[in-house]
Amino acid sequence: MTLIFLGGVSRAGKSAAARWVAGRAGLPVEGLDRHVAGLARGEAFIPEGRERVVAAVEAQLAAGHHRLVEGSWLLPEPAAALRDRFGAAFGPLFCGYPQADAAARDAMLMATAPEGGNWYSRQDRAARLAILDRQIALSRSHQARCAALDLPYVDVSDPATGLQALRRQLLDLTRAAVPAPKEKGRSQGPARFGFAWRRA
């Protein structure tokens, strides 16, 4: 089976895009953040969280799960390693906003925040802009690393066009991950179940 992965920085629209595509492709969707929910905050939080997420994705690939997973914990380098190890069973896609203006993006995020707010909207403006400055820098880093690793990357710096492009590319990726046709007159067990996915 094929595991489709959508990664990238925080506040890029990953969760919404994954839910939208999963609904149209008929796939279950999972947020990888749940694998770090029980970790104690401290010096080891981030490295241990990344290790847990990599292990969780590896376990799903080994078990042959067919689903869409998303989150910011899996970086381009381990994603490329999983692609090289599992081949067509793993389809990664990254996104970010390397060309965004922090103030403009903050205004957009605040205007579209859910009623009652979320962890981002509850911060004061200075804290929010500091968060976005870090995510913009990380977006640029991810974009360069994805290019070096031959991983697909979607720039969502312009929300009007970027999020549509992200949905379209993610939907294309899920639709390309189709079962290989069965050979006539022969049973096809799990070891013969192949998938193809198209890199953008």
N, C-alpha and C. Protein backbone atom coordinates (compact mmCIF):
# COMPACT_ATOMS: atom_id res chain seq x y z
N MET A 1 0.84 -1.18 0.00
CA MET A 1 0.00 0.00 0.00
C MET A 1 0.89 1.25 0.00
N THR A 2 0.28 2.40 -0.20
CA THR A 2 1.06 3.63 -0.29
C THR A 2 0.70 4.59 0.84
N LEU A 3 1.74 5.18 1.44
CA LEU A 3 1.57 6.20 2.46
C LEU A 3 1.93 7.54 1.83
N ILE A 4 0.96 8.46 1.78
CA ILE A 4 1.19 9.80 1.26
C ILE A 4 1.48 10.71 2.44
N PHE A 5 2.57 11.46 2.36
CA PHE A 5 2.97 12.32 3.47
C PHE A 5 3.02 13.77 3.02
N LEU A 6 2.36 14.65 3.79
CA LEU A 6 2.42 16.10 3.56
C LEU A 6 3.13 16.74 4.74
N GLY A 7 4.29 17.33 4.48
CA GLY A 7 5.08 17.95 5.54
C GLY A 7 5.36 19.41 5.25
N GLY A 8 5.98 20.06 6.21
CA GLY A 8 6.33 21.47 6.05
C GLY A 8 6.18 22.22 7.34
N VAL A 9 6.24 23.53 7.25
CA VAL A 9 6.26 24.37 8.45
C VAL A 9 4.86 24.56 9.02
N SER A 10 4.83 25.09 10.22
CA SER A 10 3.57 25.39 10.90
C SER A 10 2.86 26.56 10.22
N ARG A 11 1.53 26.53 10.27
CA ARG A 11 0.68 27.59 9.72
C ARG A 11 0.74 27.68 8.20
N ALA A 12 1.02 26.54 7.53
CA ALA A 12 1.09 26.53 6.07
C ALA A 12 -0.20 26.01 5.43
N GLY A 13 -1.11 25.50 6.23
CA GLY A 13 -2.36 24.96 5.68
C GLY A 13 -2.31 23.47 5.42
N LYS A 14 -1.37 22.75 6.03
CA LYS A 14 -1.22 21.32 5.79
C LYS A 14 -2.46 20.52 6.20
N SER A 15 -2.93 20.77 7.42
CA SER A 15 -4.05 19.98 7.93
C SER A 15 -5.30 20.16 7.09
N ALA A 16 -5.61 21.41 6.74
CA ALA A 16 -6.80 21.68 5.93
C ALA A 16 -6.68 21.05 4.55
N ALA A 17 -5.50 21.17 3.94
CA ALA A 17 -5.30 20.57 2.61
C ALA A 17 -5.40 19.06 2.68
N ALA A 18 -4.83 18.45 3.72
CA ALA A 18 -4.88 17.00 3.86
C ALA A 18 -6.31 16.50 4.04
N ARG A 19 -7.10 17.20 4.86
CA ARG A 19 -8.49 16.79 5.05
C ARG A 19 -9.28 16.94 3.77
N TRP A 20 -9.07 18.02 3.04
CA TRP A 20 -9.79 18.26 1.79
C TRP A 20 -9.47 17.17 0.77
N VAL A 21 -8.20 16.85 0.63
CA VAL A 21 -7.79 15.83 -0.36
C VAL A 21 -8.23 14.45 0.09
N ALA A 22 -8.07 14.14 1.37
CA ALA A 22 -8.44 12.82 1.86
C ALA A 22 -9.93 12.55 1.63
N GLY A 23 -10.76 13.58 1.82
CA GLY A 23 -12.18 13.42 1.59
C GLY A 23 -12.52 13.10 0.16
N ARG A 24 -11.79 13.70 -0.78
CA ARG A 24 -12.05 13.45 -2.19
C ARG A 24 -11.40 12.16 -2.69
N ALA A 25 -10.31 11.77 -2.07
CA ALA A 25 -9.63 10.55 -2.50
C ALA A 25 -10.12 9.31 -1.76
N GLY A 26 -10.96 9.51 -0.73
CA GLY A 26 -11.46 8.38 0.03
C GLY A 26 -10.39 7.73 0.90
N LEU A 27 -9.45 8.53 1.40
CA LEU A 27 -8.37 8.01 2.23
C LEU A 27 -8.54 8.47 3.68
N PRO A 28 -8.14 7.63 4.64
CA PRO A 28 -8.06 8.14 6.01
C PRO A 28 -6.90 9.12 6.12
N VAL A 29 -7.02 10.07 7.03
CA VAL A 29 -5.96 11.07 7.22
C VAL A 29 -5.56 11.08 8.69
N GLU A 30 -4.27 11.24 8.93
CA GLU A 30 -3.77 11.24 10.31
C GLU A 30 -2.79 12.39 10.51
N GLY A 31 -2.96 13.11 11.61
CA GLY A 31 -2.00 14.14 12.00
C GLY A 31 -0.90 13.50 12.84
N LEU A 32 0.34 13.70 12.44
CA LEU A 32 1.46 13.04 13.12
C LEU A 32 1.76 13.66 14.48
N ASP A 33 1.19 14.82 14.79
CA ASP A 33 1.44 15.46 16.07
C ASP A 33 1.03 14.57 17.25
N ARG A 34 0.09 13.68 17.03
CA ARG A 34 -0.40 12.85 18.14
C ARG A 34 0.71 11.97 18.72
N HIS A 35 1.73 11.69 17.91
CA HIS A 35 2.81 10.82 18.39
C HIS A 35 3.75 11.51 19.36
N VAL A 36 3.63 12.82 19.48
CA VAL A 36 4.49 13.56 20.42
C VAL A 36 3.69 14.17 21.56
N ALA A 37 2.40 13.88 21.60
CA ALA A 37 1.52 14.54 22.58
C ALA A 37 1.93 14.25 24.02
N GLY A 38 2.45 13.06 24.28
CA GLY A 38 2.77 12.70 25.65
C GLY A 38 4.18 13.03 26.10
N LEU A 39 4.96 13.62 25.23
CA LEU A 39 6.36 13.91 25.57
C LEU A 39 6.46 15.10 26.52
N ALA A 40 7.38 14.99 27.46
CA ALA A 40 7.64 16.10 28.37
C ALA A 40 8.39 17.20 27.64
N ARG A 41 7.98 18.44 27.86
CA ARG A 41 8.67 19.58 27.27
C ARG A 41 10.03 19.76 27.95
N GLY A 42 11.05 19.88 27.15
CA GLY A 42 12.38 20.05 27.69
C GLY A 42 13.40 20.04 26.57
N GLU A 43 14.64 19.89 26.93
CA GLU A 43 15.72 19.96 25.95
C GLU A 43 15.63 18.86 24.90
N ALA A 44 15.14 17.69 25.31
CA ALA A 44 15.08 16.54 24.40
C ALA A 44 13.75 16.46 23.65
N PHE A 45 12.85 17.41 23.87
CA PHE A 45 11.50 17.32 23.30
C PHE A 45 11.51 17.21 21.77
N ILE A 46 12.23 18.13 21.11
CA ILE A 46 12.20 18.16 19.65
C ILE A 46 12.91 16.94 19.04
N PRO A 47 14.17 16.63 19.44
CA PRO A 47 14.80 15.46 18.84
C PRO A 47 14.06 14.15 19.12
N GLU A 48 13.54 14.00 20.34
CA GLU A 48 12.80 12.78 20.66
C GLU A 48 11.49 12.73 19.88
N GLY A 49 10.85 13.88 19.73
CA GLY A 49 9.62 13.92 18.95
C GLY A 49 9.85 13.54 17.50
N ARG A 50 10.94 14.03 16.91
CA ARG A 50 11.25 13.69 15.52
C ARG A 50 11.53 12.19 15.39
N GLU A 51 12.24 11.61 16.36
CA GLU A 51 12.52 10.18 16.33
C GLU A 51 11.23 9.37 16.41
N ARG A 52 10.31 9.81 17.26
CA ARG A 52 9.04 9.09 17.41
C ARG A 52 8.24 9.13 16.11
N VAL A 53 8.22 10.27 15.46
CA VAL A 53 7.45 10.41 14.24
C VAL A 53 8.04 9.55 13.12
N VAL A 54 9.38 9.56 12.99
CA VAL A 54 10.02 8.72 11.98
C VAL A 54 9.68 7.25 12.24
N ALA A 55 9.75 6.83 13.50
CA ALA A 55 9.44 5.44 13.85
C ALA A 55 7.98 5.11 13.54
N ALA A 56 7.08 6.05 13.79
CA ALA A 56 5.66 5.82 13.52
C ALA A 56 5.40 5.67 12.02
N VAL A 57 6.04 6.51 11.21
CA VAL A 57 5.87 6.42 9.75
C VAL A 57 6.47 5.11 9.23
N GLU A 58 7.64 4.74 9.74
CA GLU A 58 8.26 3.47 9.35
C GLU A 58 7.34 2.29 9.67
N ALA A 59 6.72 2.32 10.85
CA ALA A 59 5.83 1.24 11.26
C ALA A 59 4.62 1.14 10.34
N GLN A 60 4.08 2.30 9.95
CA GLN A 60 2.92 2.28 9.05
C GLN A 60 3.31 1.76 7.67
N LEU A 61 4.49 2.13 7.20
CA LEU A 61 4.95 1.63 5.91
C LEU A 61 5.17 0.12 5.96
N ALA A 62 5.78 -0.35 7.05
CA ALA A 62 6.04 -1.78 7.19
C ALA A 62 4.73 -2.58 7.27
N ALA A 63 3.70 -1.95 7.87
CA ALA A 63 2.41 -2.62 8.00
C ALA A 63 1.57 -2.51 6.73
N GLY A 64 2.01 -1.74 5.75
CA GLY A 64 1.28 -1.61 4.49
C GLY A 64 0.07 -0.73 4.56
N HIS A 65 0.07 0.28 5.43
CA HIS A 65 -1.07 1.17 5.54
C HIS A 65 -1.20 2.05 4.29
N HIS A 66 -2.44 2.30 3.90
CA HIS A 66 -2.73 3.19 2.77
C HIS A 66 -3.52 4.36 3.31
N ARG A 67 -2.83 5.49 3.51
CA ARG A 67 -3.48 6.66 4.10
C ARG A 67 -2.67 7.90 3.80
N LEU A 68 -3.21 9.03 4.20
CA LEU A 68 -2.53 10.32 4.06
C LEU A 68 -2.16 10.78 5.47
N VAL A 69 -0.88 11.10 5.68
CA VAL A 69 -0.43 11.60 6.98
C VAL A 69 0.18 12.98 6.79
N GLU A 70 0.05 13.83 7.81
CA GLU A 70 0.60 15.18 7.68
C GLU A 70 1.15 15.65 9.01
N GLY A 71 2.13 16.55 8.92
CA GLY A 71 2.70 17.12 10.12
C GLY A 71 4.03 17.80 9.84
N SER A 72 4.51 18.52 10.83
CA SER A 72 5.75 19.29 10.66
C SER A 72 6.97 18.59 11.27
N TRP A 73 6.78 17.43 11.87
CA TRP A 73 7.87 16.79 12.61
C TRP A 73 8.83 16.02 11.71
N LEU A 74 8.41 15.59 10.55
CA LEU A 74 9.28 14.82 9.66
C LEU A 74 9.99 15.77 8.70
N LEU A 75 11.31 15.83 8.80
CA LEU A 75 12.12 16.76 8.01
C LEU A 75 12.46 16.18 6.64
N PRO A 76 12.95 17.01 5.72
CA PRO A 76 13.26 16.50 4.37
C PRO A 76 14.25 15.35 4.34
N GLU A 77 15.29 15.37 5.18
CA GLU A 77 16.31 14.31 5.12
C GLU A 77 15.76 12.94 5.50
N PRO A 78 15.06 12.78 6.63
CA PRO A 78 14.46 11.47 6.90
C PRO A 78 13.36 11.10 5.91
N ALA A 79 12.64 12.09 5.38
CA ALA A 79 11.63 11.78 4.36
C ALA A 79 12.28 11.21 3.11
N ALA A 80 13.42 11.78 2.71
CA ALA A 80 14.15 11.26 1.54
C ALA A 80 14.68 9.86 1.82
N ALA A 81 15.14 9.63 3.06
CA ALA A 81 15.64 8.31 3.43
C ALA A 81 14.52 7.27 3.37
N LEU A 82 13.31 7.64 3.83
CA LEU A 82 12.17 6.73 3.75
C LEU A 82 11.78 6.46 2.30
N ARG A 83 11.82 7.49 1.48
CA ARG A 83 11.53 7.30 0.05
C ARG A 83 12.54 6.34 -0.57
N ASP A 84 13.82 6.52 -0.25
CA ASP A 84 14.84 5.65 -0.83
C ASP A 84 14.72 4.22 -0.32
N ARG A 85 14.27 4.08 0.92
CA ARG A 85 14.16 2.73 1.50
C ARG A 85 12.91 2.01 1.03
N PHE A 86 11.77 2.72 1.00
CA PHE A 86 10.49 2.07 0.71
C PHE A 86 10.02 2.27 -0.73
N GLY A 87 10.71 3.09 -1.48
CA GLY A 87 10.38 3.27 -2.89
C GLY A 87 8.99 3.83 -3.10
N ALA A 88 8.24 3.21 -4.00
CA ALA A 88 6.93 3.72 -4.40
C ALA A 88 5.88 3.61 -3.30
N ALA A 89 6.21 2.95 -2.18
CA ALA A 89 5.25 2.84 -1.08
C ALA A 89 5.14 4.14 -0.28
N PHE A 90 6.05 5.09 -0.52
CA PHE A 90 6.05 6.33 0.26
C PHE A 90 6.08 7.52 -0.69
N GLY A 91 5.06 8.37 -0.59
CA GLY A 91 4.98 9.55 -1.46
C GLY A 91 5.01 10.83 -0.65
N PRO A 92 6.18 11.50 -0.53
CA PRO A 92 6.27 12.73 0.26
C PRO A 92 6.03 14.00 -0.56
N LEU A 93 5.48 15.01 0.11
CA LEU A 93 5.29 16.33 -0.48
C LEU A 93 5.46 17.36 0.64
N PHE A 94 6.26 18.40 0.39
CA PHE A 94 6.48 19.45 1.39
C PHE A 94 5.88 20.76 0.92
N CYS A 95 5.58 21.63 1.89
CA CYS A 95 5.06 22.96 1.56
C CYS A 95 5.59 23.97 2.58
N GLY A 96 5.51 25.24 2.22
CA GLY A 96 5.95 26.30 3.10
C GLY A 96 5.71 27.65 2.45
N TYR A 97 6.13 28.72 3.14
CA TYR A 97 5.91 30.07 2.62
C TYR A 97 7.21 30.87 2.67
N PRO A 98 8.18 30.50 1.83
CA PRO A 98 9.51 31.14 1.87
C PRO A 98 9.52 32.60 1.48
N GLN A 99 8.53 33.05 0.71
CA GLN A 99 8.49 34.44 0.25
C GLN A 99 7.44 35.27 0.97
N ALA A 100 6.89 34.76 2.05
CA ALA A 100 5.80 35.46 2.73
C ALA A 100 6.28 36.68 3.49
N ASP A 101 5.37 37.63 3.68
CA ASP A 101 5.58 38.76 4.57
C ASP A 101 4.92 38.41 5.89
N ALA A 102 5.68 38.47 6.98
CA ALA A 102 5.16 38.02 8.27
C ALA A 102 3.92 38.79 8.70
N ALA A 103 3.92 40.11 8.53
CA ALA A 103 2.78 40.92 8.96
C ALA A 103 1.53 40.59 8.15
N ALA A 104 1.69 40.43 6.84
CA ALA A 104 0.54 40.12 5.99
C ALA A 104 0.00 38.73 6.30
N ARG A 105 0.90 37.78 6.54
CA ARG A 105 0.43 36.43 6.84
C ARG A 105 -0.25 36.39 8.20
N ASP A 106 0.27 37.15 9.15
CA ASP A 106 -0.37 37.21 10.46
C ASP A 106 -1.78 37.76 10.34
N ALA A 107 -1.97 38.80 9.55
CA ALA A 107 -3.31 39.37 9.37
C ALA A 107 -4.25 38.34 8.77
N MET A 108 -3.78 37.56 7.79
CA MET A 108 -4.61 36.53 7.18
C MET A 108 -4.96 35.43 8.19
N LEU A 109 -3.97 34.99 8.97
CA LEU A 109 -4.21 33.93 9.94
C LEU A 109 -5.16 34.39 11.04
N MET A 110 -5.06 35.63 11.46
CA MET A 110 -5.96 36.13 12.49
C MET A 110 -7.38 36.29 11.96
N ALA A 111 -7.50 36.69 10.69
CA ALA A 111 -8.82 36.86 10.10
C ALA A 111 -9.55 35.54 9.91
N THR A 112 -8.79 34.46 9.76
CA THR A 112 -9.39 33.14 9.50
C THR A 112 -9.30 32.21 10.71
N ALA A 113 -8.88 32.74 11.87
CA ALA A 113 -8.79 31.92 13.08
C ALA A 113 -10.19 31.45 13.50
N PRO A 114 -10.30 30.23 14.03
CA PRO A 114 -11.62 29.73 14.44
C PRO A 114 -12.18 30.51 15.62
N GLU A 115 -13.48 30.46 15.77
CA GLU A 115 -14.11 31.12 16.91
C GLU A 115 -13.57 30.51 18.19
N GLY A 116 -13.15 31.32 19.11
CA GLY A 116 -12.53 30.83 20.33
C GLY A 116 -11.02 30.79 20.24
N GLY A 117 -10.50 30.95 19.03
CA GLY A 117 -9.07 31.03 18.83
C GLY A 117 -8.38 29.69 18.79
N ASN A 118 -7.07 29.72 18.60
CA ASN A 118 -6.22 28.53 18.63
C ASN A 118 -4.89 28.94 19.27
N TRP A 119 -3.95 27.99 19.31
CA TRP A 119 -2.69 28.30 20.01
C TRP A 119 -1.98 29.50 19.41
N TYR A 120 -2.11 29.70 18.11
CA TYR A 120 -1.44 30.81 17.46
C TYR A 120 -2.13 32.14 17.75
N SER A 121 -3.44 32.18 17.57
CA SER A 121 -4.16 33.45 17.71
C SER A 121 -4.19 33.94 19.15
N ARG A 122 -3.93 33.07 20.11
CA ARG A 122 -3.94 33.49 21.51
C ARG A 122 -2.62 34.17 21.93
N GLN A 123 -1.61 34.13 21.06
CA GLN A 123 -0.36 34.83 21.34
C GLN A 123 -0.53 36.34 21.08
N ASP A 124 0.30 37.16 21.71
CA ASP A 124 0.26 38.59 21.36
C ASP A 124 0.94 38.78 19.99
N ARG A 125 0.77 39.97 19.41
CA ARG A 125 1.23 40.18 18.03
C ARG A 125 2.74 40.01 17.89
N ALA A 126 3.50 40.49 18.86
CA ALA A 126 4.96 40.37 18.78
C ALA A 126 5.38 38.90 18.76
N ALA A 127 4.73 38.08 19.59
CA ALA A 127 5.05 36.65 19.63
C ALA A 127 4.65 35.97 18.32
N ARG A 128 3.49 36.39 17.78
CA ARG A 128 3.05 35.78 16.52
C ARG A 128 4.02 36.09 15.39
N LEU A 129 4.46 37.33 15.31
CA LEU A 129 5.39 37.71 14.25
C LEU A 129 6.73 37.01 14.41
N ALA A 130 7.16 36.79 15.64
CA ALA A 130 8.40 36.05 15.87
C ALA A 130 8.26 34.60 15.40
N ILE A 131 7.09 34.01 15.66
CA ILE A 131 6.82 32.65 15.19
C ILE A 131 6.90 32.60 13.67
N LEU A 132 6.25 33.55 13.01
CA LEU A 132 6.22 33.54 11.55
C LEU A 132 7.60 33.81 10.95
N ASP A 133 8.38 34.67 11.58
CA ASP A 133 9.75 34.90 11.09
C ASP A 133 10.55 33.60 11.11
N ARG A 134 10.40 32.81 12.17
CA ARG A 134 11.11 31.52 12.25
C ARG A 134 10.59 30.56 11.20
N GLN A 135 9.28 30.55 10.98
CA GLN A 135 8.72 29.62 10.00
C GLN A 135 9.08 30.02 8.57
N ILE A 136 9.19 31.30 8.30
CA ILE A 136 9.62 31.76 6.97
C ILE A 136 11.07 31.33 6.72
N ALA A 137 11.93 31.51 7.72
CA ALA A 137 13.32 31.06 7.57
C ALA A 137 13.39 29.56 7.38
N LEU A 138 12.57 28.82 8.12
CA LEU A 138 12.55 27.37 7.98
C LEU A 138 11.99 26.95 6.63
N SER A 139 11.01 27.70 6.13
CA SER A 139 10.47 27.43 4.79
C SER A 139 11.56 27.53 3.73
N ARG A 140 12.39 28.55 3.83
CA ARG A 140 13.48 28.71 2.87
C ARG A 140 14.48 27.57 2.96
N SER A 141 14.76 27.15 4.19
CA SER A 141 15.66 26.02 4.39
C SER A 141 15.06 24.74 3.80
N HIS A 142 13.79 24.48 4.10
CA HIS A 142 13.12 23.29 3.56
C HIS A 142 13.12 23.30 2.03
N GLN A 143 12.82 24.45 1.45
CA GLN A 143 12.76 24.55 -0.01
C GLN A 143 14.10 24.17 -0.63
N ALA A 144 15.18 24.69 -0.07
CA ALA A 144 16.51 24.39 -0.60
C ALA A 144 16.87 22.93 -0.39
N ARG A 145 16.56 22.40 0.77
CA ARG A 145 16.89 20.99 1.05
C ARG A 145 16.06 20.05 0.20
N CYS A 146 14.77 20.38 -0.01
CA CYS A 146 13.94 19.54 -0.88
C CYS A 146 14.48 19.54 -2.31
N ALA A 147 14.93 20.69 -2.79
CA ALA A 147 15.50 20.75 -4.14
C ALA A 147 16.74 19.87 -4.23
N ALA A 148 17.58 19.89 -3.21
CA ALA A 148 18.80 19.09 -3.22
C ALA A 148 18.50 17.60 -3.13
N LEU A 149 17.39 17.24 -2.46
CA LEU A 149 17.04 15.83 -2.25
C LEU A 149 16.04 15.31 -3.27
N ASP A 150 15.66 16.15 -4.23
CA ASP A 150 14.67 15.78 -5.25
C ASP A 150 13.32 15.42 -4.62
N LEU A 151 12.90 16.23 -3.66
CA LEU A 151 11.59 16.07 -3.04
C LEU A 151 10.67 17.18 -3.54
N PRO A 152 9.42 16.88 -3.84
CA PRO A 152 8.51 17.93 -4.31
C PRO A 152 8.18 18.93 -3.21
N TYR A 153 8.08 20.21 -3.61
CA TYR A 153 7.84 21.30 -2.67
C TYR A 153 6.86 22.29 -3.29
N VAL A 154 5.86 22.70 -2.53
CA VAL A 154 4.87 23.67 -3.00
C VAL A 154 5.01 24.95 -2.18
N ASP A 155 5.18 26.07 -2.86
CA ASP A 155 5.30 27.38 -2.22
C ASP A 155 3.89 27.96 -2.02
N VAL A 156 3.48 28.12 -0.76
CA VAL A 156 2.16 28.67 -0.47
C VAL A 156 2.28 30.09 0.10
N SER A 157 3.34 30.80 -0.30
CA SER A 157 3.53 32.17 0.18
C SER A 157 2.35 33.06 -0.16
N ASP A 158 1.78 32.88 -1.35
CA ASP A 158 0.57 33.59 -1.76
C ASP A 158 -0.61 32.67 -1.48
N PRO A 159 -1.38 32.92 -0.41
CA PRO A 159 -2.46 31.99 -0.06
C PRO A 159 -3.49 31.81 -1.17
N ALA A 160 -3.73 32.86 -1.96
CA ALA A 160 -4.77 32.79 -3.00
C ALA A 160 -4.46 31.73 -4.04
N THR A 161 -3.20 31.59 -4.40
CA THR A 161 -2.83 30.60 -5.43
C THR A 161 -2.09 29.41 -4.85
N GLY A 162 -1.34 29.63 -3.76
CA GLY A 162 -0.52 28.56 -3.21
C GLY A 162 -1.31 27.41 -2.63
N LEU A 163 -2.40 27.72 -1.90
CA LEU A 163 -3.17 26.66 -1.29
C LEU A 163 -3.93 25.84 -2.33
N GLN A 164 -4.37 26.50 -3.40
CA GLN A 164 -4.99 25.75 -4.50
C GLN A 164 -3.98 24.82 -5.16
N ALA A 165 -2.77 25.32 -5.37
CA ALA A 165 -1.71 24.50 -5.96
C ALA A 165 -1.37 23.32 -5.05
N LEU A 166 -1.36 23.56 -3.74
CA LEU A 166 -1.06 22.49 -2.79
C LEU A 166 -2.13 21.41 -2.84
N ARG A 167 -3.39 21.82 -2.81
CA ARG A 167 -4.48 20.84 -2.91
C ARG A 167 -4.38 20.03 -4.21
N ARG A 168 -4.15 20.73 -5.31
CA ARG A 168 -4.10 20.07 -6.61
C ARG A 168 -2.95 19.06 -6.68
N GLN A 169 -1.77 19.46 -6.20
CA GLN A 169 -0.61 18.58 -6.28
C GLN A 169 -0.76 17.39 -5.33
N LEU A 170 -1.32 17.64 -4.15
CA LEU A 170 -1.53 16.54 -3.21
C LEU A 170 -2.59 15.57 -3.73
N LEU A 171 -3.64 16.10 -4.35
CA LEU A 171 -4.67 15.23 -4.92
C LEU A 171 -4.11 14.42 -6.08
N ASP A 172 -3.29 15.04 -6.92
CA ASP A 172 -2.63 14.30 -8.01
C ASP A 172 -1.76 13.18 -7.45
N LEU A 173 -1.07 13.45 -6.36
CA LEU A 173 -0.20 12.46 -5.75
C LEU A 173 -0.99 11.27 -5.23
N THR A 174 -2.13 11.54 -4.59
CA THR A 174 -2.95 10.45 -4.06
C THR A 174 -3.60 9.66 -5.19
N ARG A 175 -4.02 10.35 -6.24
CA ARG A 175 -4.65 9.64 -7.36
C ARG A 175 -3.65 8.80 -8.15
N ALA A 176 -2.38 9.24 -8.15
CA ALA A 176 -1.35 8.47 -8.84
C ALA A 176 -0.97 7.22 -8.07
N ALA A 177 -1.27 7.18 -6.78
CA ALA A 177 -0.93 6.02 -5.95
C ALA A 177 -2.05 4.99 -6.06
N VAL A 178 -2.12 4.35 -7.21
CA VAL A 178 -3.20 3.41 -7.47
C VAL A 178 -2.64 2.00 -7.50
N PRO A 179 -3.46 0.99 -7.15
CA PRO A 179 -2.96 -0.39 -7.15
C PRO A 179 -2.54 -0.83 -8.54
N ALA A 180 -1.47 -1.60 -8.61
CA ALA A 180 -1.07 -2.21 -9.87
C ALA A 180 -2.13 -3.21 -10.30
N PRO A 181 -2.46 -3.31 -11.60
CA PRO A 181 -3.50 -4.23 -12.05
C PRO A 181 -3.15 -5.68 -11.75
N LYS A 182 -4.16 -6.44 -11.36
CA LYS A 182 -3.95 -7.86 -11.08
C LYS A 182 -3.68 -8.62 -12.38
N GLU A 183 -2.82 -9.61 -12.29
CA GLU A 183 -2.59 -10.47 -13.44
C GLU A 183 -3.77 -11.42 -13.57
N LYS A 184 -4.26 -11.58 -14.78
CA LYS A 184 -5.44 -12.38 -15.04
C LYS A 184 -5.21 -13.82 -14.59
N GLY A 185 -6.16 -14.32 -13.79
CA GLY A 185 -6.10 -15.72 -13.39
C GLY A 185 -5.16 -15.98 -12.23
N ARG A 186 -4.56 -14.92 -11.65
CA ARG A 186 -3.63 -15.14 -10.55
C ARG A 186 -4.03 -14.29 -9.35
N SER A 187 -3.85 -14.86 -8.18
CA SER A 187 -4.11 -14.12 -6.96
C SER A 187 -2.96 -13.17 -6.69
N GLN A 188 -3.30 -12.01 -6.16
CA GLN A 188 -2.27 -11.01 -5.89
C GLN A 188 -2.19 -10.78 -4.39
N GLY A 189 -1.17 -11.32 -3.77
CA GLY A 189 -0.96 -11.17 -2.34
C GLY A 189 -0.32 -9.85 -2.03
N PRO A 190 -0.12 -9.58 -0.74
CA PRO A 190 0.46 -8.30 -0.34
C PRO A 190 1.82 -8.02 -0.97
N ALA A 191 2.64 -9.07 -1.18
CA ALA A 191 3.97 -8.84 -1.72
C ALA A 191 3.94 -8.41 -3.18
N ARG A 192 2.79 -8.67 -3.86
CA ARG A 192 2.68 -8.32 -5.26
C ARG A 192 1.87 -7.04 -5.45
N PHE A 193 1.57 -6.37 -4.36
CA PHE A 193 0.73 -5.17 -4.46
C PHE A 193 1.63 -3.97 -4.65
N GLY A 194 1.63 -3.41 -5.84
CA GLY A 194 2.55 -2.31 -6.14
C GLY A 194 1.82 -1.00 -6.37
N PHE A 195 2.51 0.09 -6.13
CA PHE A 195 1.95 1.41 -6.36
C PHE A 195 2.93 2.26 -7.13
N ALA A 196 2.40 3.21 -7.84
CA ALA A 196 3.25 4.18 -8.53
C ALA A 196 2.83 5.57 -8.08
N TRP A 197 3.74 6.43 -7.82
CA TRP A 197 3.38 7.81 -7.50
C TRP A 197 4.23 8.74 -8.33
N ARG A 198 3.65 9.84 -8.70
CA ARG A 198 4.26 10.79 -9.61
C ARG A 198 4.87 11.94 -8.85
N ARG A 199 6.16 12.14 -9.03
CA ARG A 199 6.81 13.32 -8.43
C ARG A 199 6.47 14.56 -9.23
N ALA A 200 6.29 15.66 -8.51
CA ALA A 200 5.98 16.92 -9.20
C ALA A 200 7.26 17.63 -9.54
